[in-house]
Amino acid sequence: MLGVDDSQPAGNRRPRLRSCLDWSERKPHLAGATGAALLSCLLERGWLVRRRTPRAVRLTTAGRDRLTAALGPHPCWAPLPSQPGLRR
């Protein structure tokens, strides 16, 4: 659906797919070769951009629109309410 290539070079010991608990937010996320491939794909397409904080990303408007089109609406990528003084 998203065209993610999660093939691994020979000798790579990273698991193809596993669940991982994020240490900072205590929420599960996708890990392994598939998670890394998905992240690379979304960054290349400009749907996510890296933030200044290490290991942090931000969903772009284009990313929100494309993910909603591909996967349907989800509260995680719903538009933020417009509030004066807040940057997107």
PDB file of N, CA and C in Angstrom:
ATOM      1  N   MET A   1       0.825  -1.197   0.000  1.00  0.00           N
ATOM      2  CA  MET A   1       0.000   0.000   0.000  1.00  0.00           C
ATOM      3  C   MET A   1       0.867   1.259   0.000  1.00  0.00           C
ATOM      4  N   LEU A   2       1.869   1.318   0.868  1.00  0.00           N
ATOM      5  CA  LEU A   2       2.729   2.493   0.928  1.00  0.00           C
ATOM      6  C   LEU A   2       4.021   2.308   0.142  1.00  0.00           C
ATOM      7  N   GLY A   3       4.277   1.103  -0.351  1.00  0.00           N
ATOM      8  CA  GLY A   3       5.470   0.862  -1.143  1.00  0.00           C
ATOM      9  C   GLY A   3       6.756   0.833  -0.343  1.00  0.00           C
ATOM     10  N   VAL A   4       6.715   0.318   0.867  1.00  0.00           N
ATOM     11  CA  VAL A   4       7.895   0.263   1.730  1.00  0.00           C
ATOM     12  C   VAL A   4       8.673  -1.011   1.429  1.00  0.00           C
ATOM     13  N   ASP A   5       9.976  -0.858   1.194  1.00  0.00           N
ATOM     14  CA  ASP A   5      10.849  -2.004   0.940  1.00  0.00           C
ATOM     15  C   ASP A   5      11.575  -2.353   2.234  1.00  0.00           C
ATOM     16  N   ASP A   6      11.187  -3.459   2.860  1.00  0.00           N
ATOM     17  CA  ASP A   6      11.808  -3.851   4.128  1.00  0.00           C
ATOM     18  C   ASP A   6      12.771  -5.027   3.947  1.00  0.00           C
ATOM     19  N   SER A   7      13.250  -5.224   2.727  1.00  0.00           N
ATOM     20  CA  SER A   7      14.226  -6.297   2.508  1.00  0.00           C
ATOM     21  C   SER A   7      15.529  -5.928   3.218  1.00  0.00           C
ATOM     22  N   GLN A   8      16.243  -6.945   3.664  1.00  0.00           N
ATOM     23  CA  GLN A   8      17.464  -6.720   4.421  1.00  0.00           C
ATOM     24  C   GLN A   8      18.664  -7.309   3.697  1.00  0.00           C
ATOM     25  N   PRO A   9      19.803  -6.641   3.791  1.00  0.00           N
ATOM     26  CA  PRO A   9      21.010  -7.246   3.226  1.00  0.00           C
ATOM     27  C   PRO A   9      21.406  -8.482   4.021  1.00  0.00           C
ATOM     28  N   ALA A  10      22.101  -9.402   3.374  1.00  0.00           N
ATOM     29  CA  ALA A  10      22.557 -10.620   4.047  1.00  0.00           C
ATOM     30  C   ALA A  10      23.419 -10.243   5.251  1.00  0.00           C
ATOM     31  N   GLY A  11      23.250 -10.975   6.306  1.00  0.00           N
ATOM     32  CA  GLY A  11      24.049 -10.743   7.505  1.00  0.00           C
ATOM     33  C   GLY A  11      23.461  -9.731   8.475  1.00  0.00           C
ATOM     34  N   ASN A  12      22.399  -9.040   8.089  1.00  0.00           N
ATOM     35  CA  ASN A  12      21.779  -8.075   8.984  1.00  0.00           C
ATOM     36  C   ASN A  12      21.044  -8.830  10.091  1.00  0.00           C
ATOM     37  N   ARG A  13      21.353  -8.530  11.330  1.00  0.00           N
ATOM     38  CA  ARG A  13      20.766  -9.251  12.451  1.00  0.00           C
ATOM     39  C   ARG A  13      19.517  -8.581  12.999  1.00  0.00           C
ATOM     40  N   ARG A  14      19.149  -7.435  12.445  1.00  0.00           N
ATOM     41  CA  ARG A  14      17.951  -6.735  12.909  1.00  0.00           C
ATOM     42  C   ARG A  14      16.734  -7.586  12.603  1.00  0.00           C
ATOM     43  N   PRO A  15      15.832  -7.768  13.583  1.00  0.00           N
ATOM     44  CA  PRO A  15      14.608  -8.537  13.298  1.00  0.00           C
ATOM     45  C   PRO A  15      13.763  -7.812  12.252  1.00  0.00           C
ATOM     46  N   ARG A  16      13.019  -8.580  11.483  1.00  0.00           N
ATOM     47  CA  ARG A  16      12.186  -7.968  10.442  1.00  0.00           C
ATOM     48  C   ARG A  16      11.133  -7.049  11.061  1.00  0.00           C
ATOM     49  N   LEU A  17      10.486  -7.491  12.118  1.00  0.00           N
ATOM     50  CA  LEU A  17       9.417  -6.713  12.723  1.00  0.00           C
ATOM     51  C   LEU A  17       9.279  -7.096  14.184  1.00  0.00           C
ATOM     52  N   ARG A  18       9.147  -6.090  15.037  1.00  0.00           N
ATOM     53  CA  ARG A  18       8.856  -6.357  16.442  1.00  0.00           C
ATOM     54  C   ARG A  18       8.248  -5.114  17.055  1.00  0.00           C
ATOM     55  N   SER A  19       7.541  -5.316  18.132  1.00  0.00           N
ATOM     56  CA  SER A  19       6.966  -4.215  18.889  1.00  0.00           C
ATOM     57  C   SER A  19       8.016  -3.730  19.872  1.00  0.00           C
ATOM     58  N   CYS A  20       8.006  -2.451  20.154  1.00  0.00           N
ATOM     59  CA  CYS A  20       8.983  -1.879  21.070  1.00  0.00           C
ATOM     60  C   CYS A  20       8.281  -0.801  21.884  1.00  0.00           C
ATOM     61  N   LEU A  21       8.561  -0.749  23.179  1.00  0.00           N
ATOM     62  CA  LEU A  21       7.966   0.263  24.046  1.00  0.00           C
ATOM     63  C   LEU A  21       8.871   1.481  24.069  1.00  0.00           C
ATOM     64  N   ASP A  22       8.347   2.622  23.639  1.00  0.00           N
ATOM     65  CA  ASP A  22       9.108   3.865  23.635  1.00  0.00           C
ATOM     66  C   ASP A  22       9.443   4.243  25.073  1.00  0.00           C
ATOM     67  N   TRP A  23      10.702   4.517  25.338  1.00  0.00           N
ATOM     68  CA  TRP A  23      11.136   4.786  26.717  1.00  0.00           C
ATOM     69  C   TRP A  23      10.680   6.140  27.222  1.00  0.00           C
ATOM     70  N   SER A  24      10.454   7.115  26.323  1.00  0.00           N
ATOM     71  CA  SER A  24      10.102   8.457  26.787  1.00  0.00           C
ATOM     72  C   SER A  24       8.596   8.643  26.965  1.00  0.00           C
ATOM     73  N   GLU A  25       7.797   8.097  26.058  1.00  0.00           N
ATOM     74  CA  GLU A  25       6.345   8.286  26.132  1.00  0.00           C
ATOM     75  C   GLU A  25       5.616   7.059  26.652  1.00  0.00           C
ATOM     76  N   ARG A  26       6.349   5.955  26.804  1.00  0.00           N
ATOM     77  CA  ARG A  26       5.775   4.707  27.303  1.00  0.00           C
ATOM     78  C   ARG A  26       4.631   4.224  26.419  1.00  0.00           C
ATOM     79  N   LYS A  27       4.809   4.365  25.103  1.00  0.00           N
ATOM     80  CA  LYS A  27       3.827   3.895  24.141  1.00  0.00           C
ATOM     81  C   LYS A  27       4.524   2.969  23.160  1.00  0.00           C
ATOM     82  N   PRO A  28       3.829   1.923  22.697  1.00  0.00           N
ATOM     83  CA  PRO A  28       4.462   1.005  21.740  1.00  0.00           C
ATOM     84  C   PRO A  28       4.640   1.651  20.370  1.00  0.00           C
ATOM     85  N   HIS A  29       5.676   1.209  19.676  1.00  0.00           N
ATOM     86  CA  HIS A  29       5.903   1.646  18.301  1.00  0.00           C
ATOM     87  C   HIS A  29       6.497   0.491  17.511  1.00  0.00           C
ATOM     88  N   LEU A  30       6.539   0.653  16.208  1.00  0.00           N
ATOM     89  CA  LEU A  30       7.038  -0.363  15.299  1.00  0.00           C
ATOM     90  C   LEU A  30       8.564  -0.321  15.273  1.00  0.00           C
ATOM     91  N   ALA A  31       9.199  -1.469  15.425  1.00  0.00           N
ATOM     92  CA  ALA A  31      10.655  -1.545  15.417  1.00  0.00           C
ATOM     93  C   ALA A  31      11.104  -2.604  14.422  1.00  0.00           C
ATOM     94  N   GLY A  32      12.405  -2.735  14.264  1.00  0.00           N
ATOM     95  CA  GLY A  32      12.974  -3.715  13.356  1.00  0.00           C
ATOM     96  C   GLY A  32      13.159  -3.137  11.960  1.00  0.00           C
ATOM     97  N   ALA A  33      13.495  -4.007  11.012  1.00  0.00           N
ATOM     98  CA  ALA A  33      13.776  -3.582   9.643  1.00  0.00           C
ATOM     99  C   ALA A  33      12.554  -2.916   9.000  1.00  0.00           C
ATOM    100  N   THR A  34      11.370  -3.424   9.280  1.00  0.00           N
ATOM    101  CA  THR A  34      10.161  -2.840   8.691  1.00  0.00           C
ATOM    102  C   THR A  34       9.910  -1.443   9.235  1.00  0.00           C
ATOM    103  N   GLY A  35      10.081  -1.252  10.536  1.00  0.00           N
ATOM    104  CA  GLY A  35       9.924   0.076  11.133  1.00  0.00           C
ATOM    105  C   GLY A  35      10.930   1.064  10.577  1.00  0.00           C
ATOM    106  N   ALA A  36      12.188   0.642  10.439  1.00  0.00           N
ATOM    107  CA  ALA A  36      13.233   1.505   9.884  1.00  0.00           C
ATOM    108  C   ALA A  36      12.940   1.846   8.423  1.00  0.00           C
ATOM    109  N   ALA A  37      12.465   0.862   7.653  1.00  0.00           N
ATOM    110  CA  ALA A  37      12.137   1.099   6.245  1.00  0.00           C
ATOM    111  C   ALA A  37      10.956   2.061   6.119  1.00  0.00           C
ATOM    112  N   LEU A  38       9.961   1.898   6.973  1.00  0.00           N
ATOM    113  CA  LEU A  38       8.810   2.794   6.950  1.00  0.00           C
ATOM    114  C   LEU A  38       9.235   4.222   7.289  1.00  0.00           C
ATOM    115  N   LEU A  39      10.068   4.386   8.301  1.00  0.00           N
ATOM    116  CA  LEU A  39      10.563   5.714   8.665  1.00  0.00           C
ATOM    117  C   LEU A  39      11.314   6.341   7.498  1.00  0.00           C
ATOM    118  N   SER A  40      12.214   5.603   6.871  1.00  0.00           N
ATOM    119  CA  SER A  40      12.978   6.129   5.739  1.00  0.00           C
ATOM    120  C   SER A  40      12.053   6.559   4.603  1.00  0.00           C
ATOM    121  N   CYS A  41      11.068   5.734   4.312  1.00  0.00           N
ATOM    122  CA  CYS A  41      10.116   6.026   3.243  1.00  0.00           C
ATOM    123  C   CYS A  41       9.336   7.312   3.537  1.00  0.00           C
ATOM    124  N   LEU A  42       8.846   7.457   4.751  1.00  0.00           N
ATOM    125  CA  LEU A  42       8.053   8.638   5.105  1.00  0.00           C
ATOM    126  C   LEU A  42       8.903   9.903   5.129  1.00  0.00           C
ATOM    127  N   LEU A  43      10.169   9.786   5.543  1.00  0.00           N
ATOM    128  CA  LEU A  43      11.073  10.936   5.512  1.00  0.00           C
ATOM    129  C   LEU A  43      11.391  11.334   4.064  1.00  0.00           C
ATOM    130  N   GLU A  44      11.665  10.353   3.205  1.00  0.00           N
ATOM    131  CA  GLU A  44      11.979  10.633   1.801  1.00  0.00           C
ATOM    132  C   GLU A  44      10.818  11.318   1.088  1.00  0.00           C
ATOM    133  N   ARG A  45       9.606  10.918   1.408  1.00  0.00           N
ATOM    134  CA  ARG A  45       8.424  11.504   0.773  1.00  0.00           C
ATOM    135  C   ARG A  45       8.060  12.867   1.354  1.00  0.00           C
ATOM    136  N   GLY A  46       8.684  13.237   2.461  1.00  0.00           N
ATOM    137  CA  GLY A  46       8.368  14.515   3.089  1.00  0.00           C
ATOM    138  C   GLY A  46       7.119  14.469   3.943  1.00  0.00           C
ATOM    139  N   TRP A  47       6.661  13.265   4.251  1.00  0.00           N
ATOM    140  CA  TRP A  47       5.482  13.136   5.101  1.00  0.00           C
ATOM    141  C   TRP A  47       5.847  13.317   6.564  1.00  0.00           C
ATOM    142  N   LEU A  48       7.078  13.023   6.898  1.00  0.00           N
ATOM    143  CA  LEU A  48       7.644  13.289   8.222  1.00  0.00           C
ATOM    144  C   LEU A  48       8.896  14.131   8.035  1.00  0.00           C
ATOM    145  N   VAL A  49       9.199  14.973   8.994  1.00  0.00           N
ATOM    146  CA  VAL A  49      10.462  15.707   9.018  1.00  0.00           C
ATOM    147  C   VAL A  49      11.082  15.526  10.397  1.00  0.00           C
ATOM    148  N   ARG A  50      12.397  15.504  10.432  1.00  0.00           N
ATOM    149  CA  ARG A  50      13.096  15.367  11.715  1.00  0.00           C
ATOM    150  C   ARG A  50      13.029  16.682  12.471  1.00  0.00           C
ATOM    151  N   ARG A  51      12.954  16.578  13.783  1.00  0.00           N
ATOM    152  CA  ARG A  51      12.951  17.748  14.653  1.00  0.00           C
ATOM    153  C   ARG A  51      14.343  17.923  15.227  1.00  0.00           C
ATOM    154  N   ARG A  52      14.557  18.979  15.951  1.00  0.00           N
ATOM    155  CA  ARG A  52      15.869  19.232  16.555  1.00  0.00           C
ATOM    156  C   ARG A  52      16.190  18.219  17.643  1.00  0.00           C
ATOM    157  N   THR A  53      15.170  17.776  18.344  1.00  0.00           N
ATOM    158  CA  THR A  53      15.358  16.785  19.396  1.00  0.00           C
ATOM    159  C   THR A  53      15.733  15.458  18.754  1.00  0.00           C
ATOM    160  N   PRO A  54      16.794  14.821  19.222  1.00  0.00           N
ATOM    161  CA  PRO A  54      17.183  13.540  18.628  1.00  0.00           C
ATOM    162  C   PRO A  54      16.038  12.524  18.664  1.00  0.00           C
ATOM    163  N   ARG A  55      15.888  11.810  17.585  1.00  0.00           N
ATOM    164  CA  ARG A  55      14.902  10.740  17.452  1.00  0.00           C
ATOM    165  C   ARG A  55      13.462  11.218  17.422  1.00  0.00           C
ATOM    166  N   ALA A  56      13.243  12.512  17.239  1.00  0.00           N
ATOM    167  CA  ALA A  56      11.884  13.049  17.171  1.00  0.00           C
ATOM    168  C   ALA A  56      11.562  13.453  15.740  1.00  0.00           C
ATOM    169  N   VAL A  57      10.321  13.215  15.337  1.00  0.00           N
ATOM    170  CA  VAL A  57       9.861  13.594  14.006  1.00  0.00           C
ATOM    171  C   VAL A  57       8.537  14.341  14.134  1.00  0.00           C
ATOM    172  N   ARG A  58       8.192  15.059  13.066  1.00  0.00           N
ATOM    173  CA  ARG A  58       6.918  15.778  13.012  1.00  0.00           C
ATOM    174  C   ARG A  58       6.201  15.371  11.742  1.00  0.00           C
ATOM    175  N   LEU A  59       4.923  15.119  11.844  1.00  0.00           N
ATOM    176  CA  LEU A  59       4.084  14.793  10.696  1.00  0.00           C
ATOM    177  C   LEU A  59       3.755  16.079   9.956  1.00  0.00           C
ATOM    178  N   THR A  60       4.015  16.109   8.658  1.00  0.00           N
ATOM    179  CA  THR A  60       3.701  17.289   7.850  1.00  0.00           C
ATOM    180  C   THR A  60       2.237  17.260   7.445  1.00  0.00           C
ATOM    181  N   THR A  61       1.771  18.388   6.958  1.00  0.00           N
ATOM    182  CA  THR A  61       0.393  18.450   6.461  1.00  0.00           C
ATOM    183  C   THR A  61       0.199  17.471   5.308  1.00  0.00           C
ATOM    184  N   ALA A  62       1.178  17.425   4.401  1.00  0.00           N
ATOM    185  CA  ALA A  62       1.097  16.481   3.278  1.00  0.00           C
ATOM    186  C   ALA A  62       1.075  15.046   3.800  1.00  0.00           C
ATOM    187  N   GLY A  63       1.876  14.756   4.800  1.00  0.00           N
ATOM    188  CA  GLY A  63       1.897  13.421   5.389  1.00  0.00           C
ATOM    189  C   GLY A  63       0.568  13.054   6.016  1.00  0.00           C
ATOM    190  N   ARG A  64      -0.014  14.000   6.737  1.00  0.00           N
ATOM    191  CA  ARG A  64      -1.321  13.752   7.356  1.00  0.00           C
ATOM    192  C   ARG A  64      -2.367  13.460   6.291  1.00  0.00           C
ATOM    193  N   ASP A  65      -2.361  14.260   5.233  1.00  0.00           N
ATOM    194  CA  ASP A  65      -3.342  14.069   4.166  1.00  0.00           C
ATOM    195  C   ASP A  65      -3.154  12.724   3.465  1.00  0.00           C
ATOM    196  N   ARG A  66      -1.904  12.363   3.160  1.00  0.00           N
ATOM    197  CA  ARG A  66      -1.630  11.114   2.443  1.00  0.00           C
ATOM    198  C   ARG A  66      -1.888   9.892   3.320  1.00  0.00           C
ATOM    199  N   LEU A  67      -1.515   9.960   4.602  1.00  0.00           N
ATOM    200  CA  LEU A  67      -1.787   8.828   5.496  1.00  0.00           C
ATOM    201  C   LEU A  67      -3.289   8.646   5.703  1.00  0.00           C
ATOM    202  N   THR A  68      -4.013   9.738   5.807  1.00  0.00           N
ATOM    203  CA  THR A  68      -5.470   9.647   5.934  1.00  0.00           C
ATOM    204  C   THR A  68      -6.069   9.015   4.681  1.00  0.00           C
ATOM    205  N   ALA A  69      -5.561   9.397   3.514  1.00  0.00           N
ATOM    206  CA  ALA A  69      -6.062   8.822   2.261  1.00  0.00           C
ATOM    207  C   ALA A  69      -5.736   7.333   2.170  1.00  0.00           C
ATOM    208  N   ALA A  70      -4.536   6.941   2.637  1.00  0.00           N
ATOM    209  CA  ALA A  70      -4.100   5.545   2.520  1.00  0.00           C
ATOM    210  C   ALA A  70      -4.691   4.649   3.599  1.00  0.00           C
ATOM    211  N   LEU A  71      -4.800   5.165   4.806  1.00  0.00           N
ATOM    212  CA  LEU A  71      -5.170   4.317   5.947  1.00  0.00           C
ATOM    213  C   LEU A  71      -6.461   4.720   6.634  1.00  0.00           C
ATOM    214  N   GLY A  72      -7.032   5.854   6.266  1.00  0.00           N
ATOM    215  CA  GLY A  72      -8.223   6.348   6.936  1.00  0.00           C
ATOM    216  C   GLY A  72      -7.847   7.287   8.071  1.00  0.00           C
ATOM    217  N   PRO A  73      -8.824   8.001   8.605  1.00  0.00           N
ATOM    218  CA  PRO A  73      -8.534   8.964   9.667  1.00  0.00           C
ATOM    219  C   PRO A  73      -8.075   8.271  10.950  1.00  0.00           C
ATOM    220  N   HIS A  74      -7.230   8.956  11.691  1.00  0.00           N
ATOM    221  CA  HIS A  74      -6.743   8.443  12.971  1.00  0.00           C
ATOM    222  C   HIS A  74      -6.479   9.634  13.889  1.00  0.00           C
ATOM    223  N   PRO A  75      -6.812   9.528  15.162  1.00  0.00           N
ATOM    224  CA  PRO A  75      -6.601  10.653  16.083  1.00  0.00           C
ATOM    225  C   PRO A  75      -5.147  11.109  16.166  1.00  0.00           C
ATOM    226  N   CYS A  76      -4.201  10.216  15.924  1.00  0.00           N
ATOM    227  CA  CYS A  76      -2.779  10.593  16.018  1.00  0.00           C
ATOM    228  C   CYS A  76      -2.380  11.610  14.972  1.00  0.00           C
ATOM    229  N   TRP A  77      -3.033  11.602  13.814  1.00  0.00           N
ATOM    230  CA  TRP A  77      -2.647  12.559  12.796  1.00  0.00           C
ATOM    231  C   TRP A  77      -3.765  13.525  12.438  1.00  0.00           C
ATOM    232  N   ALA A  78      -4.700  13.715  13.365  1.00  0.00           N
ATOM    233  CA  ALA A  78      -5.748  14.711  13.160  1.00  0.00           C
ATOM    234  C   ALA A  78      -5.124  16.109  13.213  1.00  0.00           C
ATOM    235  N   PRO A  79      -5.674  17.052  12.447  1.00  0.00           N
ATOM    236  CA  PRO A  79      -5.139  18.415  12.492  1.00  0.00           C
ATOM    237  C   PRO A  79      -5.246  18.999  13.890  1.00  0.00           C
ATOM    238  N   LEU A  80      -4.235  19.751  14.262  1.00  0.00           N
ATOM    239  CA  LEU A  80      -4.276  20.450  15.536  1.00  0.00           C
ATOM    240  C   LEU A  80      -5.192  21.649  15.430  1.00  0.00           C
ATOM    241  N   PRO A  81      -5.922  21.983  16.505  1.00  0.00           N
ATOM    242  CA  PRO A  81      -6.743  23.180  16.454  1.00  0.00           C
ATOM    243  C   PRO A  81      -5.854  24.415  16.326  1.00  0.00           C
ATOM    244  N   SER A  82      -6.283  25.373  15.535  1.00  0.00           N
ATOM    245  CA  SER A  82      -5.493  26.601  15.368  1.00  0.00           C
ATOM    246  C   SER A  82      -5.594  27.424  16.630  1.00  0.00           C
ATOM    247  N   GLN A  83      -4.437  27.753  17.165  1.00  0.00           N
ATOM    248  CA  GLN A  83      -4.379  28.597  18.348  1.00  0.00           C
ATOM    249  C   GLN A  83      -3.298  29.650  18.128  1.00  0.00           C
ATOM    250  N   PRO A  84      -3.593  30.898  18.456  1.00  0.00           N
ATOM    251  CA  PRO A  84      -2.577  31.947  18.286  1.00  0.00           C
ATOM    252  C   PRO A  84      -1.333  31.613  19.107  1.00  0.00           C
ATOM    253  N   GLY A  85      -0.190  31.846  18.526  1.00  0.00           N
ATOM    254  CA  GLY A  85       1.067  31.656  19.246  1.00  0.00           C
ATOM    255  C   GLY A  85       1.657  30.265  19.130  1.00  0.00           C
ATOM    256  N   LEU A  86       0.920  29.306  18.584  1.00  0.00           N
ATOM    257  CA  LEU A  86       1.446  27.953  18.440  1.00  0.00           C
ATOM    258  C   LEU A  86       1.976  27.772  17.032  1.00  0.00           C
ATOM    259  N   ARG A  87       3.170  27.184  16.944  1.00  0.00           N
ATOM    260  CA  ARG A  87       3.751  26.901  15.639  1.00  0.00           C
ATOM    261  C   ARG A  87       3.449  25.476  15.261  1.00  0.00           C
ATOM    262  N   ARG A  88       3.256  25.229  13.988  1.00  0.00           N
ATOM    263  CA  ARG A  88       3.021  23.878  13.492  1.00  0.00           C
ATOM    264  C   ARG A  88       4.263  23.323  12.912  1.00  0.00           C
TER     265      ARG A  88
END
